[in-house]
């Protein structure tokens, strides 16, 4: 194996597309059982005051395939068209439900993906 320096790795990452970098981060998180999310500091409420939870409207949604019914092949075809996965990877995703199909997508895109998968015979949750 060639001598690869930290600078080589940094240069390689700097030239990746955002989508490829996102997928790389997810794969590293899965492989090493870690999260790249920044830790959130929790501040105690002053004495005598109740902490009011801030209601934020969710803007990113995950689409999770929960089943495929009796139309597995049709669901695999839709998974391939949505994700761009190859046949083997799409089949593996369908075989191992529940699995995320897409992460951090807009509500409209999540609803569209759900509609496509349900039309093909799959069952879907949006989280």
N, C-alpha and C. Protein backbone atom coordinates (compact mmCIF):
# COMPACT_ATOMS: atom_id res chain seq x y z
N UNK A 1 0.85 -1.18 0.00
CA UNK A 1 0.00 0.00 0.00
C UNK A 1 0.88 1.23 0.00
N UNK A 2 0.53 2.18 -0.80
CA UNK A 2 1.30 3.42 -0.91
C UNK A 2 1.20 4.19 0.41
N UNK A 3 2.19 5.03 0.66
CA UNK A 3 2.17 5.87 1.85
C UNK A 3 1.19 7.02 1.63
N UNK A 4 0.07 6.95 2.32
CA UNK A 4 -0.95 7.99 2.20
C UNK A 4 -0.88 8.85 3.45
N UNK A 5 -0.76 10.15 3.24
CA UNK A 5 -0.64 11.07 4.37
C UNK A 5 -2.01 11.64 4.74
N UNK A 6 -2.07 12.28 5.89
CA UNK A 6 -3.31 12.95 6.29
C UNK A 6 -3.69 14.01 5.27
N UNK A 7 -2.69 14.69 4.73
CA UNK A 7 -2.96 15.73 3.73
C UNK A 7 -3.61 15.13 2.48
N UNK A 8 -3.17 13.91 2.09
CA UNK A 8 -3.77 13.23 0.94
C UNK A 8 -5.26 12.94 1.20
N UNK A 9 -5.55 12.48 2.41
CA UNK A 9 -6.93 12.17 2.76
C UNK A 9 -7.77 13.44 2.76
N UNK A 10 -7.25 14.51 3.35
CA UNK A 10 -7.96 15.78 3.41
C UNK A 10 -8.21 16.31 2.00
N UNK A 11 -7.23 16.23 1.14
CA UNK A 11 -7.38 16.69 -0.24
C UNK A 11 -8.44 15.87 -0.97
N UNK A 12 -8.43 14.54 -0.75
CA UNK A 12 -9.43 13.66 -1.36
C UNK A 12 -10.83 14.05 -0.91
N UNK A 13 -11.02 14.25 0.39
CA UNK A 13 -12.33 14.62 0.94
C UNK A 13 -12.76 15.99 0.43
N UNK A 14 -11.82 16.92 0.32
CA UNK A 14 -12.14 18.27 -0.14
C UNK A 14 -12.68 18.26 -1.57
N UNK A 15 -12.31 17.25 -2.36
CA UNK A 15 -12.75 17.18 -3.75
C UNK A 15 -14.00 16.33 -3.95
N UNK A 16 -14.59 15.81 -2.86
CA UNK A 16 -15.79 14.99 -2.96
C UNK A 16 -17.03 15.88 -3.11
N UNK A 17 -18.06 15.32 -3.75
CA UNK A 17 -19.33 16.04 -3.81
C UNK A 17 -19.98 15.98 -2.43
N UNK A 18 -20.91 16.87 -2.18
CA UNK A 18 -21.60 16.90 -0.89
C UNK A 18 -22.33 15.58 -0.65
N UNK A 19 -22.97 15.04 -1.68
CA UNK A 19 -23.70 13.78 -1.55
C UNK A 19 -22.75 12.64 -1.20
N UNK A 20 -21.62 12.56 -1.91
CA UNK A 20 -20.64 11.50 -1.62
C UNK A 20 -20.09 11.65 -0.21
N UNK A 21 -19.83 12.88 0.21
CA UNK A 21 -19.30 13.12 1.56
C UNK A 21 -20.33 12.71 2.61
N UNK A 22 -21.60 13.02 2.37
CA UNK A 22 -22.66 12.63 3.29
C UNK A 22 -22.74 11.12 3.43
N UNK A 23 -22.66 10.41 2.31
CA UNK A 23 -22.70 8.95 2.34
C UNK A 23 -21.47 8.39 3.07
N UNK A 24 -20.31 8.98 2.84
CA UNK A 24 -19.08 8.55 3.52
C UNK A 24 -19.22 8.70 5.03
N UNK A 25 -19.75 9.83 5.47
CA UNK A 25 -19.93 10.07 6.90
C UNK A 25 -20.86 9.03 7.50
N UNK A 26 -21.96 8.73 6.83
CA UNK A 26 -22.91 7.73 7.33
C UNK A 26 -22.25 6.36 7.43
N UNK A 27 -21.46 5.99 6.42
CA UNK A 27 -20.78 4.70 6.45
C UNK A 27 -19.76 4.64 7.59
N UNK A 28 -19.04 5.74 7.82
CA UNK A 28 -18.07 5.76 8.93
C UNK A 28 -18.79 5.68 10.27
N UNK A 29 -19.92 6.37 10.40
CA UNK A 29 -20.70 6.30 11.65
C UNK A 29 -21.15 4.87 11.90
N UNK A 30 -21.65 4.19 10.85
CA UNK A 30 -22.11 2.81 11.01
C UNK A 30 -20.95 1.87 11.34
N UNK A 31 -19.85 2.03 10.64
CA UNK A 31 -18.71 1.12 10.84
C UNK A 31 -18.11 1.25 12.23
N UNK A 32 -18.00 2.47 12.75
CA UNK A 32 -17.34 2.68 14.02
C UNK A 32 -18.30 2.92 15.18
N UNK A 33 -19.61 2.91 14.91
CA UNK A 33 -20.60 3.08 15.96
C UNK A 33 -20.53 4.43 16.65
N UNK A 34 -20.27 5.48 15.87
CA UNK A 34 -20.17 6.82 16.42
C UNK A 34 -21.13 7.74 15.69
N UNK A 35 -21.22 8.97 16.16
CA UNK A 35 -22.05 9.97 15.50
C UNK A 35 -21.22 11.22 15.25
N UNK A 36 -21.36 11.79 14.06
CA UNK A 36 -20.63 13.00 13.72
C UNK A 36 -21.38 14.25 14.16
N UNK A 37 -22.55 14.07 14.77
CA UNK A 37 -23.33 15.21 15.23
C UNK A 37 -22.64 15.89 16.41
N UNK A 38 -22.71 17.20 16.42
CA UNK A 38 -22.10 17.94 17.52
C UNK A 38 -22.91 17.71 18.79
N UNK A 39 -22.23 17.55 19.93
CA UNK A 39 -22.98 17.37 21.17
C UNK A 39 -23.78 18.63 21.50
N UNK A 40 -24.92 18.42 22.11
CA UNK A 40 -25.81 19.53 22.46
C UNK A 40 -25.67 19.80 23.95
N UNK A 41 -25.36 21.03 24.29
CA UNK A 41 -25.23 21.41 25.70
C UNK A 41 -26.62 21.63 26.27
N UNK A 42 -26.85 21.06 27.44
CA UNK A 42 -28.13 21.22 28.11
C UNK A 42 -27.93 22.16 29.28
N UNK A 43 -28.70 23.23 29.29
CA UNK A 43 -28.58 24.22 30.35
C UNK A 43 -29.77 24.06 31.29
N UNK A 44 -29.50 24.01 32.57
CA UNK A 44 -30.56 23.87 33.56
C UNK A 44 -31.37 25.16 33.63
N UNK A 45 -32.67 25.01 33.84
CA UNK A 45 -33.54 26.17 33.99
C UNK A 45 -33.28 26.79 35.36
N UNK A 46 -33.34 28.11 35.46
CA UNK A 46 -33.15 28.76 36.75
C UNK A 46 -34.19 28.25 37.76
N UNK A 47 -33.83 28.25 39.04
CA UNK A 47 -34.71 27.74 40.08
C UNK A 47 -36.05 28.44 40.04
N UNK A 48 -37.12 27.65 40.14
CA UNK A 48 -38.46 28.22 40.17
C UNK A 48 -39.07 28.41 38.79
N UNK A 49 -38.31 28.22 37.73
CA UNK A 49 -38.85 28.37 36.38
C UNK A 49 -38.91 27.01 35.70
N UNK A 50 -40.01 26.76 35.07
CA UNK A 50 -40.14 25.51 34.31
C UNK A 50 -39.55 25.74 32.93
N UNK A 51 -38.84 24.75 32.46
CA UNK A 51 -38.25 24.85 31.12
C UNK A 51 -39.34 24.61 30.09
N UNK A 52 -39.53 25.56 29.20
CA UNK A 52 -40.53 25.43 28.15
C UNK A 52 -39.84 24.86 26.91
N UNK A 53 -40.30 23.70 26.45
CA UNK A 53 -39.66 23.12 25.26
C UNK A 53 -39.91 24.00 24.04
N UNK A 54 -38.87 24.22 23.29
CA UNK A 54 -38.99 25.03 22.08
C UNK A 54 -39.57 24.13 20.98
N UNK A 55 -40.65 24.57 20.40
CA UNK A 55 -41.28 23.81 19.33
C UNK A 55 -40.67 24.26 18.00
N UNK A 56 -39.94 23.35 17.38
CA UNK A 56 -39.37 23.64 16.07
C UNK A 56 -40.09 22.81 15.04
N UNK A 57 -40.40 23.42 13.93
CA UNK A 57 -41.04 22.68 12.87
C UNK A 57 -39.99 21.84 12.16
N UNK A 58 -40.30 20.58 12.02
CA UNK A 58 -39.36 19.65 11.39
C UNK A 58 -39.29 19.95 9.89
N UNK A 59 -38.06 20.05 9.38
CA UNK A 59 -37.89 20.36 7.96
C UNK A 59 -37.23 19.23 7.19
N UNK A 60 -36.66 18.27 7.90
CA UNK A 60 -36.02 17.14 7.23
C UNK A 60 -36.64 15.85 7.74
N UNK A 61 -36.90 14.95 6.80
CA UNK A 61 -37.59 13.71 7.12
C UNK A 61 -36.83 12.52 6.56
N UNK A 62 -36.95 11.38 7.26
CA UNK A 62 -36.38 10.12 6.79
C UNK A 62 -37.53 9.26 6.29
N UNK A 63 -37.31 8.60 5.16
CA UNK A 63 -38.31 7.69 4.60
C UNK A 63 -37.83 6.28 4.89
N UNK A 64 -38.66 5.51 5.61
CA UNK A 64 -38.29 4.17 6.04
C UNK A 64 -39.23 3.15 5.40
N UNK A 65 -38.65 2.20 4.67
CA UNK A 65 -39.42 1.10 4.10
C UNK A 65 -39.65 0.08 5.21
N UNK A 66 -40.92 -0.22 5.51
CA UNK A 66 -41.22 -1.13 6.60
C UNK A 66 -41.71 -2.49 6.11
N UNK A 67 -42.03 -2.60 4.85
CA UNK A 67 -42.49 -3.87 4.29
C UNK A 67 -42.65 -3.76 2.80
N UNK A 68 -42.82 -4.94 2.14
CA UNK A 68 -42.96 -4.93 0.69
C UNK A 68 -44.12 -5.77 0.20
N UNK A 69 -44.88 -6.35 1.11
CA UNK A 69 -46.06 -7.13 0.72
C UNK A 69 -45.68 -8.27 -0.21
N UNK A 70 -46.52 -8.52 -1.20
CA UNK A 70 -46.26 -9.61 -2.14
C UNK A 70 -45.72 -9.09 -3.47
N UNK A 71 -45.28 -7.83 -3.49
CA UNK A 71 -44.78 -7.23 -4.73
C UNK A 71 -43.32 -6.78 -4.57
N UNK A 72 -42.49 -7.70 -4.12
CA UNK A 72 -41.09 -7.39 -3.81
C UNK A 72 -40.34 -6.84 -5.03
N UNK A 73 -40.53 -7.44 -6.17
CA UNK A 73 -39.80 -7.02 -7.36
C UNK A 73 -40.16 -5.59 -7.75
N UNK A 74 -41.44 -5.25 -7.69
CA UNK A 74 -41.85 -3.89 -8.01
C UNK A 74 -41.26 -2.89 -7.02
N UNK A 75 -41.23 -3.26 -5.74
CA UNK A 75 -40.67 -2.38 -4.72
C UNK A 75 -39.17 -2.20 -4.97
N UNK A 76 -38.46 -3.27 -5.32
CA UNK A 76 -37.02 -3.17 -5.63
C UNK A 76 -36.80 -2.21 -6.79
N UNK A 77 -37.64 -2.30 -7.83
CA UNK A 77 -37.50 -1.40 -8.99
C UNK A 77 -37.66 0.05 -8.57
N UNK A 78 -38.64 0.33 -7.71
CA UNK A 78 -38.86 1.72 -7.26
C UNK A 78 -37.69 2.17 -6.39
N UNK A 79 -37.19 1.31 -5.52
CA UNK A 79 -36.02 1.64 -4.69
C UNK A 79 -34.84 2.01 -5.58
N UNK A 80 -34.62 1.24 -6.62
CA UNK A 80 -33.51 1.53 -7.54
C UNK A 80 -33.68 2.89 -8.21
N UNK A 81 -34.90 3.20 -8.63
CA UNK A 81 -35.11 4.49 -9.31
C UNK A 81 -34.99 5.67 -8.35
N UNK A 82 -35.41 5.48 -7.10
CA UNK A 82 -35.35 6.56 -6.12
C UNK A 82 -33.92 6.81 -5.65
N UNK A 83 -33.19 5.72 -5.37
CA UNK A 83 -31.87 5.85 -4.75
C UNK A 83 -30.70 5.79 -5.71
N UNK A 84 -30.91 5.20 -6.88
CA UNK A 84 -29.80 5.02 -7.81
C UNK A 84 -28.93 3.82 -7.45
N UNK A 85 -29.41 2.99 -6.51
CA UNK A 85 -28.65 1.80 -6.11
C UNK A 85 -28.67 0.76 -7.21
N UNK A 86 -27.68 -0.10 -7.20
CA UNK A 86 -27.65 -1.23 -8.11
C UNK A 86 -28.66 -2.27 -7.66
N UNK A 87 -28.88 -3.29 -8.49
CA UNK A 87 -29.86 -4.32 -8.19
C UNK A 87 -29.55 -5.04 -6.88
N UNK A 88 -28.30 -5.42 -6.67
CA UNK A 88 -27.92 -6.16 -5.47
C UNK A 88 -28.18 -5.33 -4.21
N UNK A 89 -27.77 -4.07 -4.22
CA UNK A 89 -27.94 -3.20 -3.05
C UNK A 89 -29.41 -2.90 -2.79
N UNK A 90 -30.19 -2.68 -3.85
CA UNK A 90 -31.62 -2.42 -3.68
C UNK A 90 -32.33 -3.65 -3.13
N UNK A 91 -31.96 -4.83 -3.61
CA UNK A 91 -32.55 -6.08 -3.10
C UNK A 91 -32.19 -6.26 -1.63
N UNK A 92 -30.94 -5.99 -1.27
CA UNK A 92 -30.51 -6.10 0.12
C UNK A 92 -31.29 -5.15 1.02
N UNK A 93 -31.52 -3.93 0.56
CA UNK A 93 -32.29 -2.96 1.34
C UNK A 93 -33.70 -3.49 1.58
N UNK A 94 -34.35 -4.01 0.53
CA UNK A 94 -35.71 -4.51 0.65
C UNK A 94 -35.76 -5.76 1.53
N UNK A 95 -34.76 -6.63 1.40
CA UNK A 95 -34.73 -7.86 2.19
C UNK A 95 -34.55 -7.61 3.68
N UNK A 96 -34.00 -6.47 4.05
CA UNK A 96 -33.69 -6.19 5.45
C UNK A 96 -34.53 -5.06 6.02
N UNK A 97 -35.84 -5.06 5.71
CA UNK A 97 -36.73 -4.04 6.25
C UNK A 97 -36.90 -4.24 7.75
N UNK A 98 -37.14 -3.22 8.53
CA UNK A 98 -37.26 -1.82 8.14
C UNK A 98 -35.90 -1.19 7.87
N UNK A 99 -35.80 -0.41 6.81
CA UNK A 99 -34.56 0.26 6.42
C UNK A 99 -34.89 1.65 5.89
N UNK A 100 -33.97 2.57 6.12
CA UNK A 100 -34.11 3.93 5.58
C UNK A 100 -33.85 3.89 4.08
N UNK A 101 -34.74 4.50 3.35
CA UNK A 101 -34.59 4.62 1.90
C UNK A 101 -33.87 5.93 1.59
N UNK A 102 -34.32 7.00 2.21
CA UNK A 102 -33.71 8.33 2.05
C UNK A 102 -33.71 9.01 3.40
N UNK A 103 -32.69 9.81 3.64
CA UNK A 103 -32.57 10.55 4.89
C UNK A 103 -32.52 12.04 4.62
N UNK A 104 -33.05 12.79 5.56
CA UNK A 104 -32.97 14.25 5.55
C UNK A 104 -33.48 14.86 4.24
N UNK A 105 -34.68 14.43 3.83
CA UNK A 105 -35.29 14.99 2.63
C UNK A 105 -36.43 15.92 3.03
N UNK A 106 -36.85 16.76 2.11
CA UNK A 106 -37.95 17.68 2.38
C UNK A 106 -39.25 16.89 2.55
N UNK A 107 -40.23 17.53 3.14
CA UNK A 107 -41.53 16.88 3.35
C UNK A 107 -42.15 16.47 2.01
N UNK A 108 -42.05 17.35 1.02
CA UNK A 108 -42.62 17.05 -0.29
C UNK A 108 -41.95 15.83 -0.92
N UNK A 109 -40.61 15.78 -0.86
CA UNK A 109 -39.89 14.64 -1.44
C UNK A 109 -40.22 13.36 -0.68
N UNK A 110 -40.32 13.44 0.65
CA UNK A 110 -40.66 12.27 1.46
C UNK A 110 -42.04 11.75 1.08
N UNK A 111 -42.99 12.65 0.91
CA UNK A 111 -44.35 12.24 0.53
C UNK A 111 -44.37 11.61 -0.85
N UNK A 112 -43.58 12.16 -1.78
CA UNK A 112 -43.50 11.61 -3.13
C UNK A 112 -42.90 10.21 -3.12
N UNK A 113 -41.83 10.01 -2.35
CA UNK A 113 -41.19 8.70 -2.25
C UNK A 113 -42.17 7.70 -1.63
N UNK A 114 -42.87 8.14 -0.58
CA UNK A 114 -43.86 7.27 0.07
C UNK A 114 -44.93 6.85 -0.92
N UNK A 115 -45.43 7.81 -1.70
CA UNK A 115 -46.47 7.51 -2.68
C UNK A 115 -45.99 6.48 -3.70
N UNK A 116 -44.76 6.67 -4.22
CA UNK A 116 -44.21 5.76 -5.21
C UNK A 116 -44.07 4.34 -4.65
N UNK A 117 -43.55 4.24 -3.43
CA UNK A 117 -43.35 2.92 -2.84
C UNK A 117 -44.67 2.24 -2.51
N UNK A 118 -45.64 3.02 -2.03
CA UNK A 118 -46.95 2.42 -1.72
C UNK A 118 -47.67 1.97 -2.98
N UNK A 119 -47.52 2.72 -4.07
CA UNK A 119 -48.12 2.32 -5.34
C UNK A 119 -47.51 1.01 -5.83
N UNK A 120 -46.23 0.76 -5.50
CA UNK A 120 -45.55 -0.47 -5.92
C UNK A 120 -45.86 -1.62 -4.98
N UNK A 121 -46.55 -1.34 -3.85
CA UNK A 121 -46.92 -2.41 -2.93
C UNK A 121 -46.16 -2.40 -1.62
N UNK A 122 -45.30 -1.42 -1.40
CA UNK A 122 -44.53 -1.34 -0.18
C UNK A 122 -45.28 -0.59 0.92
N UNK A 123 -44.83 -0.80 2.15
CA UNK A 123 -45.36 0.00 3.26
C UNK A 123 -44.23 0.88 3.77
N UNK A 124 -44.57 2.15 4.07
CA UNK A 124 -43.56 3.17 4.32
C UNK A 124 -43.95 4.01 5.53
N UNK A 125 -42.94 4.44 6.29
CA UNK A 125 -43.13 5.40 7.37
C UNK A 125 -42.25 6.61 7.08
N UNK A 126 -42.75 7.77 7.43
CA UNK A 126 -41.95 8.99 7.34
C UNK A 126 -41.65 9.43 8.77
N UNK A 127 -40.39 9.56 9.08
CA UNK A 127 -39.99 9.93 10.44
C UNK A 127 -39.28 11.26 10.44
